[in-house]
Amino acid sequence: MSVQTRPNSGLFNKLRTGLVRNTTLAVLIAGGVFAVSATASAADVIKWRLQSHFPTSSSSYKDSVERLQKVVAERTDGRLQIEIFPAGTLFKANETFNAVSRGVIQMGTISPGYVQDKLTLAGIASGLPFAFREVWETAYFHTQLGFEDMLRKEAAKYNVYYSTDKVYPTEMVVKKPINSWEDFKGLKIRSSGILQRFLTDAGASGVYLPGTEVYSALASGVVDGAHWGASQGAKSTGLYEVAKYHVKPPLNIAGTDAFIINQKALDKLPDDVRTILVQALDEQFWLRTNEYLYKEQITLAKAQKEDGVKVIVLPEDVQQRLTDSAQKLWDTEAERSPEAKDAVERLRKFLGELGYL
């Protein structure tokens, strides 16, 4: 006859009650820890404001600014949140640098052309005409030959950290092929800024027109050619409908967009958050440069197929004349400061090594 043993019911109940109490206590403690942790996380969130010079309609607003916003939020687990404002929301484009410098906002995006009164290297950053012929050359000049560091050093005088977003080409479209110097120097070309001055000095006629008038001016024959970025700009604005020749090499290749950060705000960030932000900006330079170049290639291929666009290369004698004319503008920029002189000397040496000078 087997004997069945039963647990002591009193002892069992005591153990069970103790287990429940301990479990409940553990849950409460854990919940308290989670609650404290959640409160601490909320308290540790850093919120910045960024004023961009891109309107929301610009592809760079999404591809550059919104991308960085998302990457930084993800990699910092939400500890750094950047609120972005499109062009003109808080300040005019040419006021953003001062706002960041004074710490009114923590970040911004600008074109270096907006700050030529402050940064003597801004003209070079905007793109000296007929210097580089390939995008990689400009990227190398910025990152390997020290130009980006020079820009950051000069911007630091204004309590600003400077980071170029990308480098990309400016290329023009024309209504007739260019087979000789005579063909080129008779052109009326819609342009702006330093490139307008360059084209006029070189022998063509640089004509400024607002973007809204470029298509009609080409269609009616007011101008013979124009530049609006490169292939992406020409395609999106319909210029290929009335100008079937896409001209290479570029008029310039430059880092005409940049992120700027208030240096004191950057220094106040926790070390790991600051490292993530700076690394994200450095990474973005390469990613956006390559992405933009990729989109240029596929857009131009699409324009050739769909719009009958033909790619033409300027004759060597025309390229040489343009280079000679461009160097006068290089010399003018070099006179702005010892730093600008150094940058132009580095540029000339590099182009000489590449066989362009």
Protein backbone atom coordinates (compact mmCIF):
# COMPACT_ATOMS: atom_id res chain seq x y z
CA MET A 1 0.00 0.00 0.00
CA SER A 2 1.59 3.17 -1.11
CA VAL A 3 1.79 6.19 1.08
CA GLN A 4 1.02 9.58 -0.47
CA THR A 5 2.74 12.60 1.05
CA ARG A 6 1.02 15.92 0.96
CA PRO A 7 2.77 19.22 1.44
CA ASN A 8 2.16 21.00 4.65
CA SER A 9 -0.76 23.22 3.63
CA GLY A 10 0.22 25.98 6.05
CA LEU A 11 3.79 26.06 4.85
CA PHE A 12 2.66 25.90 1.21
CA ASN A 13 0.35 28.86 1.67
CA LYS A 14 3.07 30.87 3.36
CA LEU A 15 5.52 30.13 0.56
CA ARG A 16 2.93 30.92 -2.06
CA THR A 17 1.99 34.21 -0.38
CA GLY A 18 5.65 35.17 -0.06
CA LEU A 19 6.28 34.35 -3.71
CA VAL A 20 3.37 36.50 -4.81
CA ARG A 21 4.50 39.34 -2.63
CA ASN A 22 8.07 39.12 -3.90
CA THR A 23 6.88 38.90 -7.50
CA THR A 24 4.61 41.87 -7.00
CA LEU A 25 7.46 43.80 -5.40
CA ALA A 26 9.75 42.90 -8.28
CA VAL A 27 7.18 44.07 -10.81
CA LEU A 28 6.65 47.30 -8.90
CA ILE A 29 10.39 47.90 -8.65
CA ALA A 30 10.86 47.15 -12.32
CA GLY A 31 7.97 49.43 -13.17
CA GLY A 32 9.47 52.13 -11.03
CA VAL A 33 12.82 51.74 -12.73
CA PHE A 34 11.20 51.90 -16.14
CA ALA A 35 9.21 54.95 -15.08
CA VAL A 36 12.32 56.69 -13.79
CA SER A 37 14.22 55.68 -16.91
CA ALA A 38 11.47 57.00 -19.16
CA THR A 39 11.39 60.27 -17.22
CA ALA A 40 15.17 60.58 -17.46
CA SER A 41 15.08 59.95 -21.21
CA ALA A 42 12.46 62.63 -21.69
CA ALA A 43 14.53 65.04 -19.62
CA ASP A 44 17.66 64.22 -21.65
CA VAL A 45 16.09 65.00 -25.04
CA ILE A 46 17.87 67.89 -26.74
CA LYS A 47 15.81 69.88 -29.20
CA TRP A 48 17.44 72.00 -31.89
CA ARG A 49 16.05 74.21 -34.63
CA LEU A 50 17.42 74.24 -38.17
CA GLN A 51 16.62 76.93 -40.74
CA SER A 52 17.24 75.70 -44.28
CA HIS A 53 17.78 77.73 -47.44
CA PHE A 54 15.99 74.97 -49.39
CA PRO A 55 12.26 75.31 -50.03
CA THR A 56 10.20 72.18 -49.48
CA SER A 57 9.91 71.80 -53.25
CA SER A 58 13.67 71.30 -53.55
CA SER A 59 14.84 67.70 -53.76
CA SER A 60 17.66 68.61 -51.39
CA TYR A 61 15.17 69.53 -48.66
CA LYS A 62 14.16 65.90 -48.45
CA ASP A 63 17.36 64.20 -49.58
CA SER A 64 19.73 66.30 -47.47
CA VAL A 65 17.96 68.04 -44.60
CA GLU A 66 15.21 65.55 -43.77
CA ARG A 67 17.68 62.71 -44.20
CA LEU A 68 20.09 64.16 -41.64
CA GLN A 69 17.23 64.85 -39.24
CA LYS A 70 16.15 61.21 -39.42
CA VAL A 71 19.65 59.73 -39.19
CA VAL A 72 20.59 61.79 -36.12
CA ALA A 73 17.32 60.97 -34.32
CA GLU A 74 17.75 57.25 -34.99
CA ARG A 75 21.41 57.02 -34.04
CA THR A 76 21.01 59.01 -30.84
CA ASP A 77 17.88 57.05 -29.86
CA GLY A 78 15.91 60.27 -30.00
CA ARG A 79 18.17 62.22 -27.67
CA LEU A 80 18.90 64.85 -30.34
CA GLN A 81 15.82 66.00 -32.21
CA ILE A 82 16.21 68.58 -34.96
CA GLU A 83 13.17 70.59 -35.97
CA ILE A 84 13.60 71.86 -39.52
CA PHE A 85 12.16 74.97 -41.12
CA PRO A 86 12.12 75.52 -44.91
CA ALA A 87 13.52 78.59 -46.64
CA GLY A 88 12.29 81.91 -45.32
CA THR A 89 10.30 80.53 -42.39
CA LEU A 90 12.39 82.07 -39.62
CA PHE A 91 14.93 84.22 -41.46
CA LYS A 92 15.91 85.26 -44.94
CA ALA A 93 18.54 82.99 -46.47
CA ASN A 94 21.31 85.58 -46.08
CA GLU A 95 20.47 86.06 -42.38
CA THR A 96 20.79 82.42 -41.34
CA PHE A 97 24.56 82.49 -40.81
CA ASN A 98 24.25 85.39 -38.35
CA ALA A 99 21.39 83.66 -36.53
CA VAL A 100 23.47 80.50 -36.08
CA SER A 101 26.57 82.49 -35.16
CA ARG A 102 24.70 84.30 -32.37
CA GLY A 103 22.99 81.12 -31.17
CA VAL A 104 19.47 82.28 -32.00
CA ILE A 105 19.10 78.85 -33.65
CA GLN A 106 21.45 75.93 -33.42
CA MET A 107 21.70 74.89 -37.07
CA GLY A 108 21.12 76.03 -40.61
CA THR A 109 21.86 75.29 -44.23
CA ILE A 110 23.29 77.96 -46.51
CA SER A 111 24.99 78.58 -49.79
CA PRO A 112 28.51 79.97 -49.26
CA GLY A 113 27.54 82.70 -51.70
CA TYR A 114 25.41 84.20 -48.93
CA VAL A 115 28.41 84.82 -46.66
CA GLN A 116 31.06 86.25 -48.95
CA ASP A 117 31.14 89.34 -46.73
CA LYS A 118 32.36 87.14 -43.85
CA LEU A 119 34.20 84.14 -45.28
CA THR A 120 36.98 85.04 -47.69
CA LEU A 121 36.92 81.44 -48.93
CA ALA A 122 33.22 81.59 -49.81
CA GLY A 123 33.83 82.51 -53.45
CA ILE A 124 36.10 79.53 -53.89
CA ALA A 125 33.59 77.28 -52.11
CA SER A 126 30.86 78.55 -54.44
CA GLY A 127 32.86 77.18 -57.33
CA LEU A 128 35.63 78.84 -59.28
CA PRO A 129 34.68 78.58 -62.95
CA PHE A 130 36.36 76.07 -65.20
CA ALA A 131 38.59 74.59 -62.54
CA PHE A 132 37.51 71.03 -61.82
CA ARG A 133 36.21 68.78 -64.59
CA GLU A 134 35.09 65.77 -62.55
CA VAL A 135 33.11 65.61 -59.30
CA TRP A 136 35.72 63.41 -57.61
CA GLU A 137 38.33 66.15 -58.12
CA THR A 138 36.27 68.65 -56.12
CA ALA A 139 35.63 66.08 -53.39
CA TYR A 140 39.35 65.33 -53.23
CA PHE A 141 40.19 69.03 -52.99
CA HIS A 142 37.79 69.42 -50.07
CA THR A 143 38.70 66.32 -48.10
CA GLN A 144 42.26 65.35 -49.04
CA LEU A 145 43.85 68.69 -49.88
CA GLY A 146 42.50 70.48 -46.83
CA PHE A 147 39.98 72.93 -48.25
CA GLU A 148 37.15 71.74 -45.98
CA ASP A 149 39.39 72.24 -42.94
CA MET A 150 40.23 75.74 -44.18
CA LEU A 151 36.53 76.58 -44.46
CA ARG A 152 35.88 75.28 -40.95
CA LYS A 153 38.76 77.26 -39.51
CA GLU A 154 37.50 80.49 -41.05
CA ALA A 155 33.88 79.85 -40.01
CA ALA A 156 35.07 79.10 -36.46
CA LYS A 157 35.96 82.80 -36.09
CA TYR A 158 32.20 83.37 -36.03
CA ASN A 159 31.44 80.56 -33.58
CA VAL A 160 30.21 78.36 -36.46
CA TYR A 161 31.01 74.77 -37.39
CA TYR A 162 30.89 74.39 -41.20
CA SER A 163 30.20 71.16 -43.10
CA THR A 164 29.71 70.94 -46.88
CA ASP A 165 26.62 68.91 -47.75
CA LYS A 166 27.72 67.73 -51.21
CA VAL A 167 29.62 68.77 -54.30
CA TYR A 168 28.00 68.74 -57.72
CA PRO A 169 28.33 70.22 -61.24
CA THR A 170 26.73 73.17 -62.96
CA GLU A 171 26.29 72.46 -66.67
CA MET A 172 24.53 74.45 -69.36
CA VAL A 173 22.14 73.59 -72.15
CA VAL A 174 22.14 75.35 -75.53
CA LYS A 175 19.88 75.44 -78.56
CA LYS A 176 22.66 74.96 -81.13
CA PRO A 177 25.88 72.91 -81.04
CA ILE A 178 29.16 74.64 -80.21
CA ASN A 179 31.84 73.60 -82.70
CA SER A 180 34.23 76.55 -82.44
CA TRP A 181 35.21 79.59 -80.44
CA GLU A 182 33.15 81.71 -82.82
CA ASP A 183 30.08 79.66 -81.95
CA PHE A 184 30.68 80.11 -78.23
CA LYS A 185 31.47 83.80 -78.01
CA GLY A 186 28.29 84.77 -79.79
CA LEU A 187 26.00 83.05 -77.29
CA LYS A 188 23.57 84.76 -74.95
CA ILE A 189 23.47 82.56 -71.84
CA ARG A 190 21.18 82.87 -68.84
CA SER A 191 23.45 82.88 -65.80
CA SER A 192 23.99 84.39 -62.36
CA GLY A 193 26.69 85.29 -59.86
CA ILE A 194 30.32 84.56 -60.58
CA LEU A 195 29.43 82.41 -63.59
CA GLN A 196 27.59 85.29 -65.24
CA ARG A 197 30.70 87.44 -64.84
CA PHE A 198 32.89 84.61 -66.10
CA LEU A 199 30.85 83.95 -69.25
CA THR A 200 30.76 87.64 -70.10
CA ASP A 201 34.48 88.10 -69.50
CA ALA A 202 35.15 85.03 -71.64
CA GLY A 203 33.39 86.53 -74.64
CA ALA A 204 29.83 85.25 -74.48
CA SER A 205 27.01 87.32 -73.02
CA GLY A 206 25.91 86.33 -69.53
CA VAL A 207 22.32 87.42 -68.93
CA TYR A 208 20.60 87.22 -65.57
CA LEU A 209 16.98 86.09 -65.55
CA PRO A 210 14.91 84.79 -62.63
CA GLY A 211 14.19 81.09 -62.70
CA THR A 212 10.56 81.59 -63.67
CA GLU A 213 11.61 83.26 -66.94
CA VAL A 214 14.32 80.87 -68.13
CA TYR A 215 12.07 78.50 -70.10
CA SER A 216 10.23 81.26 -71.96
CA ALA A 217 13.47 83.10 -72.70
CA LEU A 218 14.94 79.98 -74.29
CA ALA A 219 11.76 79.18 -76.16
CA SER A 220 11.46 82.67 -77.61
CA GLY A 221 15.14 83.06 -78.45
CA VAL A 222 15.87 85.81 -75.93
CA VAL A 223 18.78 83.62 -74.82
CA ASP A 224 20.62 80.83 -76.61
CA GLY A 225 21.49 78.78 -73.56
CA ALA A 226 21.13 78.57 -69.80
CA HIS A 227 22.30 76.75 -66.70
CA TRP A 228 20.03 75.65 -63.88
CA GLY A 229 22.04 73.13 -61.94
CA ALA A 230 22.81 70.38 -64.42
CA SER A 231 20.67 67.63 -65.92
CA GLN A 232 18.29 67.33 -62.97
CA GLY A 233 17.64 71.07 -63.02
CA ALA A 234 17.24 71.21 -66.80
CA LYS A 235 14.90 68.22 -66.85
CA SER A 236 12.70 69.35 -63.96
CA THR A 237 12.25 72.86 -65.41
CA GLY A 238 11.54 71.67 -68.96
CA LEU A 239 14.61 73.27 -70.52
CA TYR A 240 15.30 70.17 -72.60
CA GLU A 241 12.07 70.80 -74.46
CA VAL A 242 13.57 73.90 -76.08
CA ALA A 243 17.34 73.35 -75.76
CA LYS A 244 18.49 69.96 -77.07
CA TYR A 245 22.24 70.18 -76.43
CA HIS A 246 23.72 69.42 -73.03
CA VAL A 247 27.22 70.86 -72.71
CA LYS A 248 30.24 69.32 -71.00
CA PRO A 249 32.58 69.85 -69.20
CA PRO A 250 30.85 71.65 -66.30
CA LEU A 251 31.06 75.39 -65.90
CA ASN A 252 32.03 74.63 -62.33
CA ILE A 253 31.80 71.89 -59.72
CA ALA A 254 31.33 73.10 -56.20
CA GLY A 255 30.05 72.59 -52.71
CA THR A 256 27.32 75.17 -52.99
CA ASP A 257 25.29 73.85 -50.04
CA ALA A 258 26.48 73.51 -46.46
CA PHE A 259 25.29 72.77 -42.94
CA ILE A 260 26.30 75.24 -40.25
CA ILE A 261 26.12 74.68 -36.48
CA ASN A 262 26.54 77.03 -33.54
CA GLN A 263 29.86 75.89 -32.05
CA LYS A 264 28.82 76.47 -28.42
CA ALA A 265 25.69 74.39 -28.93
CA LEU A 266 27.79 71.66 -30.51
CA ASP A 267 30.26 71.71 -27.61
CA LYS A 268 27.44 71.36 -25.07
CA LEU A 269 26.20 68.09 -26.54
CA PRO A 270 27.07 64.86 -24.70
CA ASP A 271 30.27 63.42 -26.16
CA ASP A 272 28.57 60.48 -27.86
CA VAL A 273 25.79 62.61 -29.34
CA ARG A 274 28.30 65.15 -30.66
CA THR A 275 30.35 62.36 -32.23
CA ILE A 276 27.26 60.89 -33.90
CA LEU A 277 26.27 64.27 -35.36
CA VAL A 278 29.71 65.08 -36.74
CA GLN A 279 30.13 61.60 -38.18
CA ALA A 280 26.67 61.79 -39.77
CA LEU A 281 27.65 65.05 -41.48
CA ASP A 282 30.94 63.61 -42.75
CA GLU A 283 29.12 60.53 -44.01
CA GLN A 284 26.47 62.68 -45.68
CA PHE A 285 29.07 64.53 -47.77
CA TRP A 286 30.03 61.30 -49.53
CA LEU A 287 26.55 59.80 -49.65
CA ARG A 288 24.88 62.90 -51.09
CA THR A 289 27.70 63.61 -53.53
CA ASN A 290 27.48 60.09 -54.93
CA GLU A 291 23.68 60.07 -54.87
CA TYR A 292 23.50 63.40 -56.70
CA LEU A 293 25.99 62.24 -59.31
CA TYR A 294 24.00 59.03 -59.79
CA LYS A 295 20.78 60.97 -60.29
CA GLU A 296 22.55 63.26 -62.76
CA GLN A 297 23.59 60.27 -64.86
CA ILE A 298 20.19 58.59 -64.97
CA THR A 299 18.40 61.90 -65.59
CA LEU A 300 20.65 62.75 -68.51
CA ALA A 301 20.22 59.25 -69.95
CA LYS A 302 16.46 59.65 -69.65
CA ALA A 303 16.60 63.06 -71.36
CA GLN A 304 18.59 61.60 -74.24
CA LYS A 305 16.05 58.84 -74.69
CA GLU A 306 12.83 60.78 -74.11
CA ASP A 307 13.68 64.31 -75.22
CA GLY A 308 16.25 63.69 -77.95
CA VAL A 309 18.96 65.52 -76.03
CA LYS A 310 22.51 65.28 -77.36
CA VAL A 311 25.58 65.60 -75.16
CA ILE A 312 28.30 67.76 -76.67
CA VAL A 313 31.83 68.40 -75.44
CA LEU A 314 33.37 71.82 -75.95
CA PRO A 315 36.30 71.77 -78.40
CA GLU A 316 39.74 71.79 -76.78
CA ASP A 317 40.57 75.30 -77.98
CA VAL A 318 37.33 76.61 -76.44
CA GLN A 319 38.10 74.85 -73.15
CA GLN A 320 41.58 76.36 -73.09
CA ARG A 321 40.29 79.88 -73.74
CA LEU A 322 37.72 79.46 -70.99
CA THR A 323 40.37 78.22 -68.59
CA ASP A 324 42.58 81.22 -69.36
CA SER A 325 39.67 83.60 -68.80
CA ALA A 326 38.63 81.82 -65.61
CA GLN A 327 42.07 82.19 -64.06
CA LYS A 328 41.63 85.96 -63.95
CA LEU A 329 38.69 85.40 -61.62
CA TRP A 330 40.74 82.93 -59.60
CA ASP A 331 43.35 85.65 -59.11
CA THR A 332 40.67 88.06 -57.93
CA GLU A 333 39.46 85.58 -55.31
CA ALA A 334 43.04 84.88 -54.21
CA GLU A 335 43.48 88.54 -53.31
CA ARG A 336 40.77 88.42 -50.67
CA SER A 337 42.97 87.01 -47.89
CA PRO A 338 46.12 84.96 -47.19
CA GLU A 339 43.82 81.94 -46.73
CA ALA A 340 42.20 82.49 -50.11
CA LYS A 341 45.62 82.86 -51.71
CA ASP A 342 46.70 79.57 -50.14
CA ALA A 343 43.55 77.82 -51.37
CA VAL A 344 44.00 79.05 -54.95
CA GLU A 345 47.66 78.00 -54.91
CA ARG A 346 46.63 74.51 -53.77
CA LEU A 347 44.02 74.48 -56.52
CA ARG A 348 46.50 75.47 -59.23
CA LYS A 349 49.00 72.86 -58.08
CA PHE A 350 46.35 70.15 -58.10
CA LEU A 351 45.03 71.08 -61.54
CA GLY A 352 48.60 71.16 -62.80
CA GLU A 353 49.14 67.62 -61.55
CA LEU A 354 45.96 66.57 -63.37
CA GLY A 355 47.29 68.07 -66.59
CA TYR A 356 44.69 70.81 -66.90
CA LEU A 357 47.12 73.73 -66.51
